[in-house]
Amino acid sequence: MYEYSRKKDLLGADPIGTNFKGANLEQTNPRGANLEKANLKSAKLHLANFQEAKLEGANLQGANLKGAPHLTIDQLSKLKTLHDTKLDEEFLIPLKEKYPALFEEPNSNNQ
């Protein structure tokens, strides 16, 4: 598993495909990090700064993204799944309308 130091170590990091399943990444700074295909299932990401982070294909099933600054609908629309993910209402409603498949329960393979 990728080792990190809370709050700053993910700034600009390149942990593509890393397993952060269940990790406590609250208030971290993954700004500009390449988290493509990372497993963030059930991760605590409350208040994590995702400005310019690459999230394509990442698994955020069951993660807590409430209050995450600089997160965008565009970033969230490229995720593998948002099933059971905790989101602020400003994201939840438009994403469910435009990308309902993101909220379906994913296959259990590679989770």
C-alpha atoms as a PDB file:
ATOM      1  CA  MET A   1       0.000   0.000   0.000  1.00  0.00           C
ATOM      2  CA  TYR A   2       1.155   3.506  -0.786  1.00  0.00           C
ATOM      3  CA  GLU A   3       2.659   5.251   2.243  1.00  0.00           C
ATOM      4  CA  TYR A   4       1.711   8.847   2.805  1.00  0.00           C
ATOM      5  CA  SER A   5       2.091  11.589   5.340  1.00  0.00           C
ATOM      6  CA  ARG A   6      -1.247  13.247   6.068  1.00  0.00           C
ATOM      7  CA  LYS A   7      -2.100  16.643   4.662  1.00  0.00           C
ATOM      8  CA  LYS A   8       0.655  17.246   2.103  1.00  0.00           C
ATOM      9  CA  ASP A   9       2.396  14.146   0.781  1.00  0.00           C
ATOM     10  CA  LEU A  10      -0.040  13.480  -2.075  1.00  0.00           C
ATOM     11  CA  LEU A  11       0.497  16.930  -3.598  1.00  0.00           C
ATOM     12  CA  GLY A  12       1.357  16.208  -7.233  1.00  0.00           C
ATOM     13  CA  ALA A  13       1.951  12.500  -6.487  1.00  0.00           C
ATOM     14  CA  ASP A  14       1.590   9.860  -9.172  1.00  0.00           C
ATOM     15  CA  PRO A  15       0.103   6.804  -7.375  1.00  0.00           C
ATOM     16  CA  ILE A  16      -1.747   5.429 -10.428  1.00  0.00           C
ATOM     17  CA  GLY A  17      -3.736   2.306  -9.529  1.00  0.00           C
ATOM     18  CA  THR A  18      -2.739   2.418  -5.847  1.00  0.00           C
ATOM     19  CA  ASN A  19      -4.863   0.650  -3.243  1.00  0.00           C
ATOM     20  CA  PHE A  20      -6.128   3.207  -0.700  1.00  0.00           C
ATOM     21  CA  LYS A  21      -9.088   1.014   0.300  1.00  0.00           C
ATOM     22  CA  GLY A  22     -10.418   2.203   3.663  1.00  0.00           C
ATOM     23  CA  ALA A  23      -7.581   4.715   4.116  1.00  0.00           C
ATOM     24  CA  ASN A  24      -8.083   7.808   6.239  1.00  0.00           C
ATOM     25  CA  LEU A  25      -7.143  10.596   3.839  1.00  0.00           C
ATOM     26  CA  GLU A  26      -9.252  13.297   5.487  1.00  0.00           C
ATOM     27  CA  GLN A  27      -7.846  16.787   4.941  1.00  0.00           C
ATOM     28  CA  THR A  28      -5.064  15.479   2.701  1.00  0.00           C
ATOM     29  CA  ASN A  29      -3.887  17.472  -0.272  1.00  0.00           C
ATOM     30  CA  PRO A  30      -4.022  15.253  -3.373  1.00  0.00           C
ATOM     31  CA  ARG A  31      -4.009  18.440  -5.489  1.00  0.00           C
ATOM     32  CA  GLY A  32      -2.715  17.578  -8.924  1.00  0.00           C
ATOM     33  CA  ALA A  33      -2.195  13.913  -7.967  1.00  0.00           C
ATOM     34  CA  ASN A  34      -2.702  11.247 -10.603  1.00  0.00           C
ATOM     35  CA  LEU A  35      -5.169   8.881  -8.917  1.00  0.00           C
ATOM     36  CA  GLU A  36      -6.306   7.216 -12.128  1.00  0.00           C
ATOM     37  CA  LYS A  37      -7.632   3.705 -11.465  1.00  0.00           C
ATOM     38  CA  ALA A  38      -6.803   4.021  -7.753  1.00  0.00           C
ATOM     39  CA  ASN A  39      -8.899   1.994  -5.332  1.00  0.00           C
ATOM     40  CA  LEU A  40     -10.336   4.495  -2.846  1.00  0.00           C
ATOM     41  CA  LYS A  41     -13.212   2.241  -1.804  1.00  0.00           C
ATOM     42  CA  SER A  42     -14.529   3.279   1.633  1.00  0.00           C
ATOM     43  CA  ALA A  43     -11.734   5.866   1.985  1.00  0.00           C
ATOM     44  CA  LYS A  44     -12.297   8.863   4.224  1.00  0.00           C
ATOM     45  CA  LEU A  45     -11.707  11.843   1.943  1.00  0.00           C
ATOM     46  CA  HIS A  46     -13.663  14.489   3.855  1.00  0.00           C
ATOM     47  CA  LEU A  47     -12.127  17.914   3.122  1.00  0.00           C
ATOM     48  CA  ALA A  48      -9.429  16.468   0.809  1.00  0.00           C
ATOM     49  CA  ASN A  49      -8.341  19.000  -1.830  1.00  0.00           C
ATOM     50  CA  PHE A  50      -8.833  17.440  -5.277  1.00  0.00           C
ATOM     51  CA  GLN A  51      -7.951  20.523  -7.339  1.00  0.00           C
ATOM     52  CA  GLU A  52      -6.492  19.345 -10.668  1.00  0.00           C
ATOM     53  CA  ALA A  53      -6.390  15.714  -9.450  1.00  0.00           C
ATOM     54  CA  LYS A  54      -6.846  13.036 -12.110  1.00  0.00           C
ATOM     55  CA  LEU A  55      -9.490  10.533 -11.024  1.00  0.00           C
ATOM     56  CA  GLU A  56     -10.351   8.702 -14.258  1.00  0.00           C
ATOM     57  CA  GLY A  57     -11.411   5.132 -13.528  1.00  0.00           C
ATOM     58  CA  ALA A  58     -10.875   5.444  -9.750  1.00  0.00           C
ATOM     59  CA  ASN A  59     -13.120   3.420  -7.455  1.00  0.00           C
ATOM     60  CA  LEU A  60     -14.708   5.633  -4.802  1.00  0.00           C
ATOM     61  CA  GLN A  61     -17.456   3.205  -3.777  1.00  0.00           C
ATOM     62  CA  GLY A  62     -18.508   4.011  -0.220  1.00  0.00           C
ATOM     63  CA  ALA A  63     -15.964   6.817   0.158  1.00  0.00           C
ATOM     64  CA  ASN A  64     -16.746  10.027   2.040  1.00  0.00           C
ATOM     65  CA  LEU A  65     -16.225  13.037  -0.236  1.00  0.00           C
ATOM     66  CA  LYS A  66     -18.340  15.500   1.739  1.00  0.00           C
ATOM     67  CA  GLY A  67     -16.810  18.939   1.953  1.00  0.00           C
ATOM     68  CA  ALA A  68     -13.985  18.152  -0.480  1.00  0.00           C
ATOM     69  CA  PRO A  69     -12.936  21.511  -1.947  1.00  0.00           C
ATOM     70  CA  HIS A  70     -12.190  21.959  -5.643  1.00  0.00           C
ATOM     71  CA  LEU A  71     -13.900  18.711  -6.610  1.00  0.00           C
ATOM     72  CA  THR A  72     -15.775  18.998  -9.907  1.00  0.00           C
ATOM     73  CA  ILE A  73     -18.631  17.218 -11.617  1.00  0.00           C
ATOM     74  CA  ASP A  74     -16.262  16.578 -14.528  1.00  0.00           C
ATOM     75  CA  GLN A  75     -13.825  14.738 -12.220  1.00  0.00           C
ATOM     76  CA  LEU A  76     -16.615  12.725 -10.608  1.00  0.00           C
ATOM     77  CA  SER A  77     -18.186  11.797 -13.952  1.00  0.00           C
ATOM     78  CA  LYS A  78     -14.995   9.914 -14.932  1.00  0.00           C
ATOM     79  CA  LEU A  79     -14.899   7.639 -11.883  1.00  0.00           C
ATOM     80  CA  LYS A  80     -15.411   3.890 -11.995  1.00  0.00           C
ATOM     81  CA  THR A  81     -18.225   4.092  -9.430  1.00  0.00           C
ATOM     82  CA  LEU A  82     -19.917   6.351  -6.902  1.00  0.00           C
ATOM     83  CA  HIS A  83     -22.079   3.584  -5.425  1.00  0.00           C
ATOM     84  CA  ASP A  84     -22.709   4.332  -1.717  1.00  0.00           C
ATOM     85  CA  THR A  85     -20.359   7.334  -1.906  1.00  0.00           C
ATOM     86  CA  LYS A  86     -21.128  10.229   0.423  1.00  0.00           C
ATOM     87  CA  LEU A  87     -21.317  13.427  -1.628  1.00  0.00           C
ATOM     88  CA  ASP A  88     -22.468  16.977  -1.075  1.00  0.00           C
ATOM     89  CA  GLU A  89     -25.923  17.549  -2.539  1.00  0.00           C
ATOM     90  CA  GLU A  90     -24.545  19.997  -5.118  1.00  0.00           C
ATOM     91  CA  PHE A  91     -22.859  16.992  -6.797  1.00  0.00           C
ATOM     92  CA  LEU A  92     -25.276  14.216  -5.947  1.00  0.00           C
ATOM     93  CA  ILE A  93     -28.343  15.551  -7.750  1.00  0.00           C
ATOM     94  CA  PRO A  94     -26.764  16.536 -11.099  1.00  0.00           C
ATOM     95  CA  LEU A  95     -24.598  13.404 -11.212  1.00  0.00           C
ATOM     96  CA  LYS A  96     -27.549  11.087 -10.567  1.00  0.00           C
ATOM     97  CA  GLU A  97     -29.480  12.825 -13.341  1.00  0.00           C
ATOM     98  CA  LYS A  98     -26.690  12.865 -15.910  1.00  0.00           C
ATOM     99  CA  TYR A  99     -24.649   9.756 -14.961  1.00  0.00           C
ATOM    100  CA  PRO A 100     -27.016   7.298 -13.211  1.00  0.00           C
ATOM    101  CA  ALA A 101     -24.781   4.317 -14.014  1.00  0.00           C
ATOM    102  CA  LEU A 102     -22.147   5.676 -11.599  1.00  0.00           C
ATOM    103  CA  PHE A 103     -24.527   4.942  -8.719  1.00  0.00           C
ATOM    104  CA  GLU A 104     -25.309   1.346  -9.652  1.00  0.00           C
ATOM    105  CA  GLU A 105     -23.739  -1.419  -7.595  1.00  0.00           C
ATOM    106  CA  PRO A 106     -20.547  -2.469  -9.402  1.00  0.00           C
ATOM    107  CA  ASN A 107     -19.457  -6.037 -10.078  1.00  0.00           C
ATOM    108  CA  SER A 108     -17.607  -7.555  -7.134  1.00  0.00           C
ATOM    109  CA  ASN A 109     -14.542  -8.335  -9.298  1.00  0.00           C
ATOM    110  CA  ASN A 110     -11.456  -6.258  -8.477  1.00  0.00           C
ATOM    111  CA  GLN A 111     -13.105  -4.390  -5.630  1.00  0.00           C
END
